[in-house]
N, C-alpha and C. Protein backbone atom coordinates (compact mmCIF):
# COMPACT_ATOMS: atom_id res chain seq x y z
N MET A 1 -17.02 13.83 5.38
CA MET A 1 -17.01 13.62 3.94
C MET A 1 -15.69 14.14 3.36
N THR A 2 -15.08 13.36 2.50
CA THR A 2 -13.80 13.72 1.89
C THR A 2 -14.05 14.56 0.64
N LYS A 3 -13.28 15.63 0.52
CA LYS A 3 -13.38 16.45 -0.69
C LYS A 3 -12.86 15.66 -1.88
N LYS A 4 -13.44 15.95 -3.05
CA LYS A 4 -13.02 15.26 -4.26
C LYS A 4 -11.70 15.81 -4.79
N GLU A 5 -11.43 17.06 -4.54
CA GLU A 5 -10.23 17.69 -5.09
C GLU A 5 -9.34 18.23 -3.99
N LEU A 6 -8.07 18.44 -4.37
CA LEU A 6 -7.09 19.06 -3.48
C LEU A 6 -6.64 20.38 -4.11
N SER A 7 -6.50 21.40 -3.29
CA SER A 7 -5.92 22.64 -3.79
C SER A 7 -4.43 22.40 -4.00
N VAL A 8 -3.79 23.31 -4.69
CA VAL A 8 -2.35 23.16 -4.91
C VAL A 8 -1.60 23.20 -3.57
N GLY A 9 -2.07 24.00 -2.63
CA GLY A 9 -1.45 24.05 -1.31
C GLY A 9 -1.62 22.74 -0.56
N GLU A 10 -2.81 22.14 -0.66
CA GLU A 10 -3.05 20.85 0.00
C GLU A 10 -2.20 19.76 -0.63
N LEU A 11 -2.11 19.78 -1.96
CA LEU A 11 -1.28 18.79 -2.64
C LEU A 11 0.19 18.97 -2.25
N SER A 12 0.62 20.20 -2.11
CA SER A 12 1.98 20.49 -1.68
C SER A 12 2.23 19.94 -0.28
N ARG A 13 1.33 20.22 0.63
CA ARG A 13 1.48 19.72 2.01
C ARG A 13 1.48 18.20 2.07
N ARG A 14 0.55 17.59 1.36
CA ARG A 14 0.42 16.12 1.41
C ARG A 14 1.59 15.43 0.74
N SER A 15 2.12 16.02 -0.32
CA SER A 15 3.21 15.37 -1.07
C SER A 15 4.59 15.73 -0.54
N GLY A 16 4.66 16.86 0.20
CA GLY A 16 5.96 17.32 0.68
C GLY A 16 6.76 18.06 -0.38
N LEU A 17 6.12 18.39 -1.48
CA LEU A 17 6.80 19.12 -2.56
C LEU A 17 6.36 20.58 -2.58
N PRO A 18 7.27 21.46 -2.96
CA PRO A 18 6.88 22.87 -3.07
C PRO A 18 5.86 23.07 -4.20
N VAL A 19 5.06 24.09 -4.06
CA VAL A 19 4.08 24.43 -5.09
C VAL A 19 4.77 24.62 -6.44
N SER A 20 5.95 25.23 -6.44
CA SER A 20 6.67 25.47 -7.70
C SER A 20 6.99 24.15 -8.41
N THR A 21 7.29 23.10 -7.66
CA THR A 21 7.57 21.80 -8.27
C THR A 21 6.30 21.21 -8.88
N LEU A 22 5.20 21.37 -8.18
CA LEU A 22 3.93 20.88 -8.72
C LEU A 22 3.57 21.61 -10.01
N HIS A 23 3.79 22.90 -10.04
CA HIS A 23 3.54 23.67 -11.27
C HIS A 23 4.48 23.21 -12.38
N PHE A 24 5.74 22.92 -12.04
CA PHE A 24 6.70 22.41 -13.03
C PHE A 24 6.21 21.07 -13.59
N TYR A 25 5.77 20.17 -12.70
CA TYR A 25 5.25 18.88 -13.15
C TYR A 25 4.06 19.08 -14.09
N GLU A 26 3.23 20.05 -13.76
CA GLU A 26 2.07 20.31 -14.61
C GLU A 26 2.48 20.84 -15.98
N ARG A 27 3.44 21.74 -16.01
CA ARG A 27 3.94 22.26 -17.30
C ARG A 27 4.55 21.14 -18.15
N ARG A 28 5.17 20.16 -17.49
CA ARG A 28 5.78 19.03 -18.20
C ARG A 28 4.76 17.96 -18.59
N GLY A 29 3.52 18.11 -18.16
CA GLY A 29 2.48 17.15 -18.50
C GLY A 29 2.44 15.92 -17.61
N LEU A 30 3.15 15.96 -16.48
CA LEU A 30 3.17 14.83 -15.55
C LEU A 30 1.89 14.74 -14.73
N ILE A 31 1.33 15.89 -14.39
CA ILE A 31 0.08 15.96 -13.64
C ILE A 31 -0.81 17.00 -14.31
N ALA A 32 -2.07 16.96 -13.98
CA ALA A 32 -3.01 17.93 -14.55
C ALA A 32 -3.93 18.45 -13.45
N SER A 33 -4.28 19.71 -13.59
CA SER A 33 -5.24 20.31 -12.67
C SER A 33 -6.47 20.74 -13.45
N GLU A 34 -7.47 21.07 -12.69
CA GLU A 34 -8.67 21.66 -13.27
C GLU A 34 -8.82 23.02 -12.61
N ARG A 35 -9.69 23.84 -13.14
CA ARG A 35 -9.92 25.18 -12.59
C ARG A 35 -11.31 25.27 -12.00
N THR A 36 -11.38 25.91 -10.83
CA THR A 36 -12.68 26.14 -10.20
C THR A 36 -13.33 27.35 -10.86
N SER A 37 -14.55 27.64 -10.46
CA SER A 37 -15.24 28.82 -11.00
C SER A 37 -14.51 30.10 -10.61
N ALA A 38 -13.72 30.04 -9.52
CA ALA A 38 -12.92 31.19 -9.10
C ALA A 38 -11.53 31.17 -9.74
N ASN A 39 -11.33 30.27 -10.71
CA ASN A 39 -10.08 30.13 -11.45
C ASN A 39 -8.90 29.65 -10.59
N HIS A 40 -9.19 28.90 -9.52
CA HIS A 40 -8.15 28.30 -8.70
C HIS A 40 -7.86 26.89 -9.21
N ARG A 41 -6.60 26.50 -9.14
CA ARG A 41 -6.23 25.14 -9.52
C ARG A 41 -6.70 24.16 -8.46
N VAL A 42 -7.26 23.06 -8.91
CA VAL A 42 -7.57 21.94 -8.02
C VAL A 42 -7.14 20.66 -8.72
N TYR A 43 -6.77 19.68 -7.91
CA TYR A 43 -6.27 18.40 -8.42
C TYR A 43 -7.16 17.29 -7.90
N ARG A 44 -7.44 16.33 -8.77
CA ARG A 44 -8.15 15.14 -8.30
C ARG A 44 -7.28 14.46 -7.25
N ARG A 45 -7.90 13.79 -6.32
CA ARG A 45 -7.16 13.15 -5.22
C ARG A 45 -6.17 12.11 -5.72
N ASP A 46 -6.46 11.45 -6.85
CA ASP A 46 -5.55 10.41 -7.36
C ASP A 46 -4.23 11.00 -7.86
N ILE A 47 -4.17 12.31 -8.05
CA ILE A 47 -2.92 12.96 -8.49
C ILE A 47 -1.85 12.81 -7.40
N LEU A 48 -2.26 12.71 -6.15
CA LEU A 48 -1.29 12.53 -5.07
C LEU A 48 -0.49 11.24 -5.27
N ARG A 49 -1.13 10.19 -5.69
CA ARG A 49 -0.41 8.93 -5.96
C ARG A 49 0.55 9.11 -7.12
N ARG A 50 0.12 9.81 -8.15
CA ARG A 50 0.98 10.06 -9.31
C ARG A 50 2.23 10.85 -8.88
N VAL A 51 2.02 11.88 -8.04
CA VAL A 51 3.15 12.68 -7.55
C VAL A 51 4.10 11.82 -6.73
N THR A 52 3.55 10.92 -5.93
CA THR A 52 4.38 10.03 -5.13
C THR A 52 5.22 9.13 -6.02
N VAL A 53 4.63 8.59 -7.07
CA VAL A 53 5.38 7.75 -8.01
C VAL A 53 6.49 8.56 -8.68
N ILE A 54 6.20 9.79 -9.04
CA ILE A 54 7.22 10.65 -9.66
C ILE A 54 8.39 10.84 -8.70
N LYS A 55 8.08 11.17 -7.45
CA LYS A 55 9.14 11.38 -6.45
C LYS A 55 10.00 10.14 -6.26
N ILE A 56 9.37 8.99 -6.12
CA ILE A 56 10.11 7.75 -5.89
C ILE A 56 10.93 7.39 -7.13
N ALA A 57 10.34 7.53 -8.30
CA ALA A 57 11.07 7.20 -9.53
C ALA A 57 12.28 8.12 -9.70
N GLN A 58 12.11 9.40 -9.43
CA GLN A 58 13.24 10.33 -9.53
C GLN A 58 14.33 9.96 -8.53
N SER A 59 13.93 9.60 -7.31
CA SER A 59 14.93 9.25 -6.31
C SER A 59 15.66 7.96 -6.68
N ALA A 60 15.04 7.11 -7.51
CA ALA A 60 15.68 5.88 -7.98
C ALA A 60 16.55 6.14 -9.21
N GLY A 61 16.57 7.40 -9.66
CA GLY A 61 17.42 7.76 -10.79
C GLY A 61 16.77 7.65 -12.15
N ILE A 62 15.46 7.45 -12.21
CA ILE A 62 14.79 7.38 -13.50
C ILE A 62 14.65 8.81 -14.02
N PRO A 63 15.14 9.05 -15.22
CA PRO A 63 15.07 10.41 -15.78
C PRO A 63 13.62 10.88 -15.94
N LEU A 64 13.42 12.17 -15.76
CA LEU A 64 12.08 12.74 -15.84
C LEU A 64 11.43 12.46 -17.19
N ALA A 65 12.20 12.44 -18.27
CA ALA A 65 11.63 12.14 -19.59
C ALA A 65 11.02 10.73 -19.62
N GLU A 66 11.68 9.77 -18.97
CA GLU A 66 11.15 8.40 -18.92
C GLU A 66 9.91 8.34 -18.03
N ILE A 67 9.92 9.09 -16.96
CA ILE A 67 8.75 9.13 -16.08
C ILE A 67 7.57 9.73 -16.85
N THR A 68 7.82 10.81 -17.55
CA THR A 68 6.78 11.47 -18.34
C THR A 68 6.20 10.50 -19.36
N GLU A 69 7.09 9.78 -20.05
CA GLU A 69 6.64 8.84 -21.08
C GLU A 69 5.79 7.73 -20.47
N ALA A 70 6.21 7.20 -19.33
CA ALA A 70 5.46 6.13 -18.67
C ALA A 70 4.10 6.63 -18.19
N LEU A 71 4.08 7.79 -17.56
CA LEU A 71 2.82 8.32 -17.03
C LEU A 71 1.86 8.74 -18.13
N SER A 72 2.39 9.02 -19.32
CA SER A 72 1.50 9.41 -20.42
C SER A 72 0.58 8.26 -20.83
N ARG A 73 0.91 7.05 -20.43
CA ARG A 73 0.07 5.88 -20.75
C ARG A 73 -1.08 5.70 -19.75
N LEU A 74 -1.06 6.46 -18.66
CA LEU A 74 -2.14 6.36 -17.68
C LEU A 74 -3.35 7.14 -18.16
N PRO A 75 -4.55 6.70 -17.76
CA PRO A 75 -5.74 7.46 -18.15
C PRO A 75 -5.73 8.85 -17.53
N ARG A 76 -6.21 9.82 -18.29
CA ARG A 76 -6.25 11.21 -17.80
C ARG A 76 -7.60 11.55 -17.17
N ASP A 77 -8.64 10.83 -17.58
CA ASP A 77 -9.99 11.20 -17.17
C ASP A 77 -10.49 10.46 -15.93
N LYS A 78 -9.69 9.53 -15.43
CA LYS A 78 -10.09 8.78 -14.23
C LYS A 78 -8.84 8.33 -13.49
N ALA A 79 -9.05 7.89 -12.27
CA ALA A 79 -7.92 7.40 -11.47
C ALA A 79 -7.39 6.10 -12.09
N PRO A 80 -6.08 5.98 -12.22
CA PRO A 80 -5.51 4.73 -12.75
C PRO A 80 -5.83 3.57 -11.81
N ASP A 81 -6.05 2.40 -12.38
CA ASP A 81 -6.31 1.24 -11.55
C ASP A 81 -5.03 0.42 -11.37
N THR A 82 -5.14 -0.66 -10.65
CA THR A 82 -3.98 -1.50 -10.35
C THR A 82 -3.29 -1.97 -11.62
N ARG A 83 -4.05 -2.36 -12.61
CA ARG A 83 -3.48 -2.86 -13.87
C ARG A 83 -2.68 -1.76 -14.57
N ASP A 84 -3.17 -0.52 -14.53
CA ASP A 84 -2.44 0.60 -15.13
C ASP A 84 -1.06 0.74 -14.48
N TRP A 85 -1.03 0.68 -13.16
CA TRP A 85 0.25 0.82 -12.44
C TRP A 85 1.14 -0.39 -12.68
N GLU A 86 0.55 -1.58 -12.81
CA GLU A 86 1.34 -2.78 -13.08
C GLU A 86 2.06 -2.68 -14.42
N ARG A 87 1.42 -2.09 -15.42
CA ARG A 87 2.05 -1.94 -16.74
C ARG A 87 3.30 -1.06 -16.63
N ILE A 88 3.22 0.01 -15.86
CA ILE A 88 4.40 0.86 -15.68
C ILE A 88 5.50 0.09 -14.96
N ALA A 89 5.12 -0.64 -13.91
CA ALA A 89 6.11 -1.42 -13.16
C ALA A 89 6.78 -2.45 -14.07
N GLU A 90 6.02 -3.10 -14.93
CA GLU A 90 6.59 -4.09 -15.86
C GLU A 90 7.58 -3.42 -16.81
N ASN A 91 7.24 -2.25 -17.29
CA ASN A 91 8.12 -1.55 -18.22
C ASN A 91 9.43 -1.13 -17.55
N TRP A 92 9.38 -0.80 -16.28
CA TRP A 92 10.57 -0.34 -15.56
C TRP A 92 11.35 -1.48 -14.93
N HIS A 93 10.80 -2.68 -14.89
CA HIS A 93 11.40 -3.78 -14.14
C HIS A 93 12.85 -4.05 -14.52
N ASP A 94 13.14 -4.26 -15.80
CA ASP A 94 14.51 -4.60 -16.21
C ASP A 94 15.48 -3.47 -15.93
N ASP A 95 15.06 -2.25 -16.20
CA ASP A 95 15.95 -1.11 -15.95
C ASP A 95 16.23 -0.96 -14.45
N LEU A 96 15.20 -1.12 -13.63
CA LEU A 96 15.41 -1.00 -12.18
C LEU A 96 16.27 -2.14 -11.65
N THR A 97 16.09 -3.33 -12.19
CA THR A 97 16.93 -4.46 -11.79
C THR A 97 18.39 -4.17 -12.12
N ARG A 98 18.66 -3.64 -13.31
CA ARG A 98 20.02 -3.29 -13.71
C ARG A 98 20.59 -2.24 -12.78
N ARG A 99 19.80 -1.24 -12.43
CA ARG A 99 20.26 -0.18 -11.52
C ARG A 99 20.59 -0.75 -10.14
N VAL A 100 19.74 -1.65 -9.65
CA VAL A 100 20.00 -2.26 -8.35
C VAL A 100 21.31 -3.04 -8.38
N GLU A 101 21.54 -3.77 -9.44
CA GLU A 101 22.79 -4.54 -9.56
C GLU A 101 24.01 -3.62 -9.59
N LEU A 102 23.91 -2.52 -10.34
CA LEU A 102 25.03 -1.57 -10.40
C LEU A 102 25.28 -0.91 -9.04
N LEU A 103 24.21 -0.52 -8.38
CA LEU A 103 24.36 0.12 -7.07
C LEU A 103 24.90 -0.87 -6.03
N THR A 104 24.46 -2.11 -6.12
CA THR A 104 24.98 -3.12 -5.20
C THR A 104 26.47 -3.34 -5.42
N ALA A 105 26.89 -3.42 -6.69
CA ALA A 105 28.31 -3.58 -6.99
C ALA A 105 29.10 -2.38 -6.49
N LEU A 106 28.58 -1.18 -6.68
CA LEU A 106 29.27 0.01 -6.20
C LEU A 106 29.40 -0.04 -4.68
N ARG A 107 28.31 -0.36 -4.00
CA ARG A 107 28.33 -0.45 -2.54
C ARG A 107 29.34 -1.49 -2.06
N ASP A 108 29.31 -2.66 -2.66
CA ASP A 108 30.12 -3.78 -2.18
C ASP A 108 31.59 -3.70 -2.59
N LYS A 109 31.88 -3.03 -3.69
CA LYS A 109 33.26 -3.04 -4.20
C LYS A 109 33.96 -1.70 -4.11
N MET A 110 33.25 -0.68 -3.67
CA MET A 110 33.83 0.65 -3.58
C MET A 110 35.06 0.67 -2.68
N ALA A 111 35.01 -0.03 -1.58
CA ALA A 111 36.14 -0.04 -0.65
C ALA A 111 37.39 -0.59 -1.30
N LEU A 112 37.24 -1.47 -2.28
CA LEU A 112 38.40 -2.02 -2.98
C LEU A 112 39.13 -0.95 -3.79
N CYS A 113 38.39 0.07 -4.21
CA CYS A 113 38.96 1.10 -5.08
C CYS A 113 39.61 2.24 -4.31
N ILE A 114 39.17 2.46 -3.10
CA ILE A 114 39.68 3.59 -2.36
C ILE A 114 41.12 3.32 -1.96
N GLY A 115 42.00 4.08 -2.57
CA GLY A 115 43.41 3.95 -2.23
C GLY A 115 44.10 2.73 -2.80
N CYS A 116 43.44 1.97 -3.67
CA CYS A 116 44.10 0.77 -4.18
C CYS A 116 45.24 1.15 -5.12
N GLY A 117 45.06 2.25 -5.84
CA GLY A 117 46.14 2.72 -6.70
C GLY A 117 46.38 1.89 -7.93
N CYS A 118 45.50 0.98 -8.25
CA CYS A 118 45.77 0.10 -9.39
C CYS A 118 45.76 0.86 -10.71
N LEU A 119 44.90 1.85 -10.81
CA LEU A 119 44.77 2.62 -12.04
C LEU A 119 44.62 1.71 -13.26
N SER A 120 44.00 0.58 -13.06
CA SER A 120 43.90 -0.40 -14.12
C SER A 120 42.45 -0.68 -14.44
N VAL A 121 42.05 -0.36 -15.65
CA VAL A 121 40.71 -0.70 -16.09
C VAL A 121 40.62 -2.22 -16.27
N GLN A 122 41.78 -2.86 -16.50
CA GLN A 122 41.77 -4.30 -16.69
C GLN A 122 41.42 -5.03 -15.40
N ARG A 123 41.88 -4.52 -14.27
CA ARG A 123 41.65 -5.21 -13.01
C ARG A 123 40.51 -4.62 -12.19
N CYS A 124 39.99 -3.47 -12.55
CA CYS A 124 39.00 -2.77 -11.73
C CYS A 124 37.74 -3.62 -11.55
N PRO A 125 37.38 -3.93 -10.30
CA PRO A 125 36.20 -4.75 -10.05
C PRO A 125 34.89 -4.00 -10.30
N LEU A 126 34.96 -2.69 -10.42
CA LEU A 126 33.72 -1.93 -10.65
C LEU A 126 33.39 -1.78 -12.12
N VAL A 127 34.36 -1.42 -12.94
CA VAL A 127 34.04 -1.14 -14.34
C VAL A 127 34.37 -2.29 -15.28
N ASN A 128 35.17 -3.25 -14.83
CA ASN A 128 35.55 -4.33 -15.73
C ASN A 128 35.90 -5.58 -14.93
N ALA A 129 34.95 -6.08 -14.21
CA ALA A 129 35.19 -7.27 -13.39
C ALA A 129 35.69 -8.41 -14.26
N ASN A 130 36.74 -9.06 -13.82
CA ASN A 130 37.34 -10.20 -14.52
C ASN A 130 37.77 -9.87 -15.94
N ASP A 131 38.05 -8.60 -16.20
CA ASP A 131 38.52 -8.14 -17.52
C ASP A 131 37.58 -8.61 -18.64
N GLU A 132 36.27 -8.54 -18.40
CA GLU A 132 35.28 -8.96 -19.38
C GLU A 132 35.36 -8.17 -20.69
N LEU A 133 35.82 -6.93 -20.62
CA LEU A 133 35.86 -6.09 -21.82
C LEU A 133 36.98 -6.46 -22.78
N ALA A 134 37.93 -7.26 -22.35
CA ALA A 134 39.06 -7.63 -23.21
C ALA A 134 38.58 -8.37 -24.46
N LYS A 135 37.50 -9.11 -24.36
CA LYS A 135 37.00 -9.87 -25.53
C LYS A 135 36.56 -8.95 -26.65
N ASP A 136 36.30 -7.67 -26.35
CA ASP A 136 35.86 -6.70 -27.36
C ASP A 136 37.04 -6.02 -28.06
N GLY A 137 38.25 -6.37 -27.70
CA GLY A 137 39.42 -5.80 -28.35
C GLY A 137 40.05 -4.68 -27.53
N PRO A 138 41.15 -4.12 -28.05
CA PRO A 138 41.88 -3.08 -27.31
C PRO A 138 41.16 -1.74 -27.37
N GLY A 139 41.58 -0.85 -26.49
CA GLY A 139 41.05 0.51 -26.49
C GLY A 139 39.91 0.69 -25.49
N ALA A 140 39.54 1.96 -25.35
CA ALA A 140 38.46 2.30 -24.40
C ALA A 140 37.15 1.69 -24.85
N ARG A 141 36.44 1.06 -23.96
CA ARG A 141 35.15 0.43 -24.26
C ARG A 141 34.01 1.11 -23.53
N LEU A 142 34.31 1.83 -22.47
CA LEU A 142 33.25 2.42 -21.65
C LEU A 142 33.07 3.91 -21.89
N LEU A 143 33.98 4.53 -22.57
CA LEU A 143 33.91 5.98 -22.73
C LEU A 143 33.40 6.36 -24.10
């Protein structure tokens, strides 16, 4: 029989995160625990999925404030269902697509910048491909 709750130590082991990080997430409102009659923290098993989403989102560069805002839309009193998670994915879709495009450009064009010596924002394939910023007029456009 599977236990309904995980202790903070079990959640730490299963998620690969230190207990201090789990407590930090709880203080930030990303996850919630309940207290046993002995005043020990326990987490519903579905919190493990939430922690996993937090870890993956952070590793993708999504700021913790955005993760907090997205997760605040999930139900607190029951495990989120597929539709709940789909709504978060839909909200992040455009931003993640933009990030993938930027990272792909960095990966593919970085070698062009190493040692090129152009020092030209006009010609730089990373920050101003095809001098697209010229249409906005003179001066710094990215800073």
